[in-house]
Amino acid sequence: MAAVAVALPLVSAPNANAHNEGGVADPTSACPNGYTVKSADIHDRHNFVIGRVELRWAYSCGGNWARTTSYVGDRPEIESRVARGDWLSGPGSAYAVDYNVNQNWTYYISIRPSDPACAKGSLHYQGYWQEATVCSDR
């Protein structure tokens, strides 16, 4: 039996981040009119605010995502996570990491409006990981 190679076109979601895991699609193109549900400041070891993590939502896509922003310029690494409930990995979650940028975001996840959602943002700053987590009230 002879093997046959077939060339298929590659189709994928827009690549907004250096690395994405989980989620449905890039919210910058799939979720117009998104807004911040809750946010938390990220502090350094001296308690100075160096960034922010946001749990975002848009009715247009029925989804939540996390966005992390550095207030101290481009960081060697920025990570964001979003998940259903308070556990930030596994099914119902999304993760993104970017390098040498000042902001990144995850793909959005679809969850029921009655389910809680959480977002976690991490910045690599002065040799240490600094992070914050925020969860919805649902």
C-alpha atoms as a PDB file:
ATOM      1  CA  MET A   1       0.000   0.000   0.000  1.00  0.00           C
ATOM      2  CA  ALA A   2       1.429   3.357  -1.021  1.00  0.00           C
ATOM      3  CA  ALA A   3       1.244   6.403   1.230  1.00  0.00           C
ATOM      4  CA  VAL A   4      -0.255   9.514  -0.313  1.00  0.00           C
ATOM      5  CA  ALA A   5       0.656  12.987   0.930  1.00  0.00           C
ATOM      6  CA  VAL A   6      -2.058  15.598   0.705  1.00  0.00           C
ATOM      7  CA  ALA A   7      -1.369  19.300   1.174  1.00  0.00           C
ATOM      8  CA  LEU A   8      -4.120  21.059   3.111  1.00  0.00           C
ATOM      9  CA  PRO A   9      -4.312  24.782   3.771  1.00  0.00           C
ATOM     10  CA  LEU A  10      -3.603  25.725   7.364  1.00  0.00           C
ATOM     11  CA  VAL A  11      -6.420  27.587   9.069  1.00  0.00           C
ATOM     12  CA  SER A  12      -5.955  29.062  12.520  1.00  0.00           C
ATOM     13  CA  ALA A  13      -7.151  31.860  14.741  1.00  0.00           C
ATOM     14  CA  PRO A  14      -5.233  35.154  14.570  1.00  0.00           C
ATOM     15  CA  ASN A  15      -2.037  34.971  16.604  1.00  0.00           C
ATOM     16  CA  ALA A  16      -2.245  37.944  18.964  1.00  0.00           C
ATOM     17  CA  ASN A  17       0.318  36.564  21.393  1.00  0.00           C
ATOM     18  CA  ALA A  18       3.630  34.755  21.240  1.00  0.00           C
ATOM     19  CA  HIS A  19       2.032  31.642  22.736  1.00  0.00           C
ATOM     20  CA  ASN A  20      -1.636  30.824  23.365  1.00  0.00           C
ATOM     21  CA  GLU A  21      -3.244  27.766  24.943  1.00  0.00           C
ATOM     22  CA  GLY A  22      -6.957  27.086  25.263  1.00  0.00           C
ATOM     23  CA  GLY A  23      -9.766  29.506  24.682  1.00  0.00           C
ATOM     24  CA  VAL A  24     -11.902  30.064  21.603  1.00  0.00           C
ATOM     25  CA  ALA A  25     -10.436  32.967  19.605  1.00  0.00           C
ATOM     26  CA  ASP A  26      -8.613  36.287  19.787  1.00  0.00           C
ATOM     27  CA  PRO A  27     -10.939  38.775  21.540  1.00  0.00           C
ATOM     28  CA  THR A  28      -9.438  41.764  19.693  1.00  0.00           C
ATOM     29  CA  SER A  29     -11.130  40.586  16.510  1.00  0.00           C
ATOM     30  CA  ALA A  30     -13.952  38.365  17.809  1.00  0.00           C
ATOM     31  CA  CYS A  31     -15.244  40.427  20.752  1.00  0.00           C
ATOM     32  CA  PRO A  32     -15.943  44.077  19.905  1.00  0.00           C
ATOM     33  CA  ASN A  33     -17.020  46.393  22.714  1.00  0.00           C
ATOM     34  CA  GLY A  34     -15.341  44.382  25.457  1.00  0.00           C
ATOM     35  CA  TYR A  35     -15.080  45.922  28.899  1.00  0.00           C
ATOM     36  CA  THR A  36     -13.313  45.317  32.204  1.00  0.00           C
ATOM     37  CA  VAL A  37     -15.422  43.438  34.754  1.00  0.00           C
ATOM     38  CA  LYS A  38     -12.804  43.578  37.523  1.00  0.00           C
ATOM     39  CA  SER A  39      -9.146  44.481  37.783  1.00  0.00           C
ATOM     40  CA  ALA A  40      -6.294  44.276  40.274  1.00  0.00           C
ATOM     41  CA  ASP A  41      -2.949  46.056  40.551  1.00  0.00           C
ATOM     42  CA  ILE A  42       0.286  44.085  40.292  1.00  0.00           C
ATOM     43  CA  HIS A  43       2.857  45.225  42.868  1.00  0.00           C
ATOM     44  CA  ASP A  44       6.625  44.801  42.998  1.00  0.00           C
ATOM     45  CA  ARG A  45       8.574  43.609  46.062  1.00  0.00           C
ATOM     46  CA  HIS A  46       8.460  47.148  47.485  1.00  0.00           C
ATOM     47  CA  ASN A  47       4.668  47.409  47.031  1.00  0.00           C
ATOM     48  CA  PHE A  48       4.878  49.844  44.099  1.00  0.00           C
ATOM     49  CA  VAL A  49       2.234  49.349  41.403  1.00  0.00           C
ATOM     50  CA  ILE A  50       3.962  48.043  38.266  1.00  0.00           C
ATOM     51  CA  GLY A  51       0.997  46.752  36.277  1.00  0.00           C
ATOM     52  CA  ARG A  52      -2.590  45.590  36.171  1.00  0.00           C
ATOM     53  CA  VAL A  53      -4.554  42.436  35.380  1.00  0.00           C
ATOM     54  CA  GLU A  54      -8.113  42.728  34.037  1.00  0.00           C
ATOM     55  CA  LEU A  55     -10.930  40.217  33.753  1.00  0.00           C
ATOM     56  CA  ARG A  56     -12.721  41.303  30.575  1.00  0.00           C
ATOM     57  CA  TRP A  57     -16.109  40.421  29.042  1.00  0.00           C
ATOM     58  CA  ALA A  58     -17.987  41.155  25.818  1.00  0.00           C
ATOM     59  CA  TYR A  59     -21.631  40.413  25.025  1.00  0.00           C
ATOM     60  CA  SER A  60     -20.681  40.242  21.355  1.00  0.00           C
ATOM     61  CA  CYS A  61     -18.852  36.928  21.873  1.00  0.00           C
ATOM     62  CA  GLY A  62     -20.288  35.840  25.231  1.00  0.00           C
ATOM     63  CA  GLY A  63     -16.790  35.386  26.582  1.00  0.00           C
ATOM     64  CA  ASN A  64     -14.269  36.332  29.247  1.00  0.00           C
ATOM     65  CA  TRP A  65     -10.540  36.884  28.791  1.00  0.00           C
ATOM     66  CA  ALA A  66      -7.592  38.183  30.798  1.00  0.00           C
ATOM     67  CA  ARG A  67      -5.463  41.175  29.846  1.00  0.00           C
ATOM     68  CA  THR A  68      -2.221  42.084  31.639  1.00  0.00           C
ATOM     69  CA  THR A  69      -0.510  45.463  31.254  1.00  0.00           C
ATOM     70  CA  SER A  70       2.936  46.579  32.429  1.00  0.00           C
ATOM     71  CA  TYR A  71       3.249  50.155  33.703  1.00  0.00           C
ATOM     72  CA  VAL A  72       7.068  49.902  33.697  1.00  0.00           C
ATOM     73  CA  GLY A  73       7.693  49.426  29.969  1.00  0.00           C
ATOM     74  CA  ASP A  74       8.269  46.288  27.944  1.00  0.00           C
ATOM     75  CA  ARG A  75       8.887  43.216  30.079  1.00  0.00           C
ATOM     76  CA  PRO A  76      10.981  40.206  29.127  1.00  0.00           C
ATOM     77  CA  GLU A  77       7.890  38.091  29.800  1.00  0.00           C
ATOM     78  CA  ILE A  78       4.195  38.764  30.514  1.00  0.00           C
ATOM     79  CA  GLU A  79       1.677  36.007  31.241  1.00  0.00           C
ATOM     80  CA  SER A  80      -2.123  36.048  31.446  1.00  0.00           C
ATOM     81  CA  ARG A  81      -4.590  33.315  32.458  1.00  0.00           C
ATOM     82  CA  VAL A  82      -8.373  33.192  32.514  1.00  0.00           C
ATOM     83  CA  ALA A  83     -10.536  30.358  33.821  1.00  0.00           C
ATOM     84  CA  ARG A  84     -13.994  29.359  34.861  1.00  0.00           C
ATOM     85  CA  GLY A  85     -14.061  29.361  38.660  1.00  0.00           C
ATOM     86  CA  ASP A  86     -11.006  29.960  40.794  1.00  0.00           C
ATOM     87  CA  TRP A  87      -8.697  27.311  39.337  1.00  0.00           C
ATOM     88  CA  LEU A  88      -6.565  28.660  36.564  1.00  0.00           C
ATOM     89  CA  SER A  89      -5.723  25.618  34.462  1.00  0.00           C
ATOM     90  CA  GLY A  90      -7.414  22.714  32.731  1.00  0.00           C
ATOM     91  CA  PRO A  91     -10.686  22.692  30.772  1.00  0.00           C
ATOM     92  CA  GLY A  92     -12.462  26.039  30.557  1.00  0.00           C
ATOM     93  CA  SER A  93      -9.256  28.070  30.696  1.00  0.00           C
ATOM     94  CA  ALA A  94      -6.890  29.991  28.420  1.00  0.00           C
ATOM     95  CA  TYR A  95      -3.255  31.013  28.816  1.00  0.00           C
ATOM     96  CA  ALA A  96      -1.020  33.454  26.921  1.00  0.00           C
ATOM     97  CA  VAL A  97       2.620  34.469  27.218  1.00  0.00           C
ATOM     98  CA  ASP A  98       4.387  37.280  25.362  1.00  0.00           C
ATOM     99  CA  TYR A  99       8.001  38.425  25.312  1.00  0.00           C
ATOM    100  CA  ASN A 100       9.368  41.995  25.269  1.00  0.00           C
ATOM    101  CA  VAL A 101       5.977  43.741  25.235  1.00  0.00           C
ATOM    102  CA  ASN A 102       4.020  45.867  27.696  1.00  0.00           C
ATOM    103  CA  GLN A 103       0.632  44.134  27.298  1.00  0.00           C
ATOM    104  CA  ASN A 104      -0.856  40.755  26.469  1.00  0.00           C
ATOM    105  CA  TRP A 105      -4.199  38.949  26.587  1.00  0.00           C
ATOM    106  CA  THR A 106      -5.613  35.455  26.409  1.00  0.00           C
ATOM    107  CA  TYR A 107      -8.057  34.082  23.889  1.00  0.00           C
ATOM    108  CA  TYR A 108     -11.602  34.317  25.257  1.00  0.00           C
ATOM    109  CA  ILE A 109     -13.420  31.473  26.980  1.00  0.00           C
ATOM    110  CA  SER A 110     -17.164  30.832  26.807  1.00  0.00           C
ATOM    111  CA  ILE A 111     -18.832  30.216  30.142  1.00  0.00           C
ATOM    112  CA  ARG A 112     -22.352  30.495  31.490  1.00  0.00           C
ATOM    113  CA  PRO A 113     -23.163  33.940  32.925  1.00  0.00           C
ATOM    114  CA  SER A 114     -23.911  32.284  36.279  1.00  0.00           C
ATOM    115  CA  ASP A 115     -20.380  30.812  36.520  1.00  0.00           C
ATOM    116  CA  PRO A 116     -17.586  32.766  38.205  1.00  0.00           C
ATOM    117  CA  ALA A 117     -14.491  33.636  36.201  1.00  0.00           C
ATOM    118  CA  CYS A 118     -10.961  34.537  37.325  1.00  0.00           C
ATOM    119  CA  ALA A 119      -7.982  36.222  35.676  1.00  0.00           C
ATOM    120  CA  LYS A 120      -4.330  36.086  36.711  1.00  0.00           C
ATOM    121  CA  GLY A 121      -1.584  38.352  35.405  1.00  0.00           C
ATOM    122  CA  SER A 122       2.171  37.904  35.915  1.00  0.00           C
ATOM    123  CA  LEU A 123       5.064  40.247  35.078  1.00  0.00           C
ATOM    124  CA  HIS A 124       8.748  39.365  35.215  1.00  0.00           C
ATOM    125  CA  TYR A 125      10.270  42.430  36.886  1.00  0.00           C
ATOM    126  CA  GLN A 126      13.775  42.952  38.305  1.00  0.00           C
ATOM    127  CA  GLY A 127      14.462  39.223  38.388  1.00  0.00           C
ATOM    128  CA  TYR A 128      11.204  38.229  40.110  1.00  0.00           C
ATOM    129  CA  TRP A 129       7.701  37.188  39.082  1.00  0.00           C
ATOM    130  CA  GLN A 130       5.048  39.590  40.361  1.00  0.00           C
ATOM    131  CA  GLU A 131       1.376  38.646  39.966  1.00  0.00           C
ATOM    132  CA  ALA A 132      -2.216  39.389  40.904  1.00  0.00           C
ATOM    133  CA  THR A 133      -5.506  37.497  40.569  1.00  0.00           C
ATOM    134  CA  VAL A 134      -9.023  38.877  40.293  1.00  0.00           C
ATOM    135  CA  CYS A 135     -12.364  37.023  40.202  1.00  0.00           C
ATOM    136  CA  SER A 136     -15.904  37.985  39.295  1.00  0.00           C
ATOM    137  CA  ASP A 137     -18.608  38.129  41.964  1.00  0.00           C
ATOM    138  CA  ARG A 138     -20.803  35.537  40.275  1.00  0.00           C
END
